[in-house]
């Protein structure tokens, strides 16, 4: 077999895995809608959970304090953890491993407790009023909801607890990362969880939009000074995940970078994040093909198909080209196969002379094809673009207020 044919076979194999993964997500989403009769949020019955003494000091919805435990144009080409419960003990988890069992038990102790600032309020799903769908993550749909007792708004990711092992793993990973990342200002914050025998709900702070939706509705590129602040937030978030929790995101793209009306930029959606072993990730079939690094498509050493956080650096570079120009760099491709082929065979996308030297240099570094020469986060954090952007005062909130009006005008009817 010729080397070119071998390469084509490799890309074709990866595309088949991605398509199968997408079909699985679509089928799961259709099943959810079929079971409920509509895509509107579900109202599962909450199950009781135990709780340690240290978790007993929280507020009831009426403000009373309780000491008891809670009850439980730029178009891109188209391309869970097993929590089965026995009939005798509906809360007993069937774990994939001891670690999974331990994590779900820890999370279930907090089920039904929502945290608003310094207040911890015992709640149930009947306290949440749905106000429209926000989108879909890797594991399920995301709905805007209002906590009726306090009038707080939140984004609630609703995930079905199915018998699908991969879906189950994604739910646990998403929960684990977002809960542990409470001390990072660049990662979307978790308000609380609701866990039932059929579903997991993650309640998160409500952000205004994602960058993908912003591009689609404004039909304009993102200004450089705003991009600089987005780079600072995203690289710091990714560096935090790697250094503090040994995690690689694996799905860096504009739809997973969020903005709020105060000008905060935050990373979200950790369902397909992976644990790093000796700073390496081992699995390959995760993430969006359009942003996938060359070494994930065709490993330099096929006998060792692992990769490190520099794969996310490539994804960030592709995202920055898209945000800076308003167009996906491989926009003429009709299929994932064409994108993957171009990634391997062509020179990486770059920004033109109309952009500053700092941004062009940063993108060029991110899109270094040889992963061994591509910088890691520590080096990127020393880049002139980040140093310049950290010191600049940029009113992202004012800019976002302006583009929000344009987004509203272009909102789909």
Foldseek 3Di string as FASTA:
>chain_A
DDPVVVLLVLLVVLQVLQQVLVVVVVVVQVVVCVVVVHNDDDADDFAAAAADQVPQFAAELVRHTGRHAAGALQDDADGAAAQAADPVGLRQGDGPDPVLNVLVNVQGNFGQWFDDPPHTYRHGPVQWAWDAWQAAFSFATWTWIARNSVRAIWIKGKGWNDRDRLSRQLVSQQVVVQDVVCPQQAAWHWGGWGDGSTIIITTTHDADAFQVLLLVQLVFADDLLLVLVLVLSVLVVQVCCCPVPQKAQQADARRQWTHHLQGHIHGHHRSPIAHQDVQKGQDQNDYDLLQFALLSSPNPDVVRSIDHNLRVLSSVLQRNVCRRGSHRPPSVDNYSSVSNVCNNPHQDDFDDPVDDPQNRVSSCLSSDNPSVSRDHSVVSCVGPSNVVSVPDDDRSSVVCVVSVVSSVVRPDD
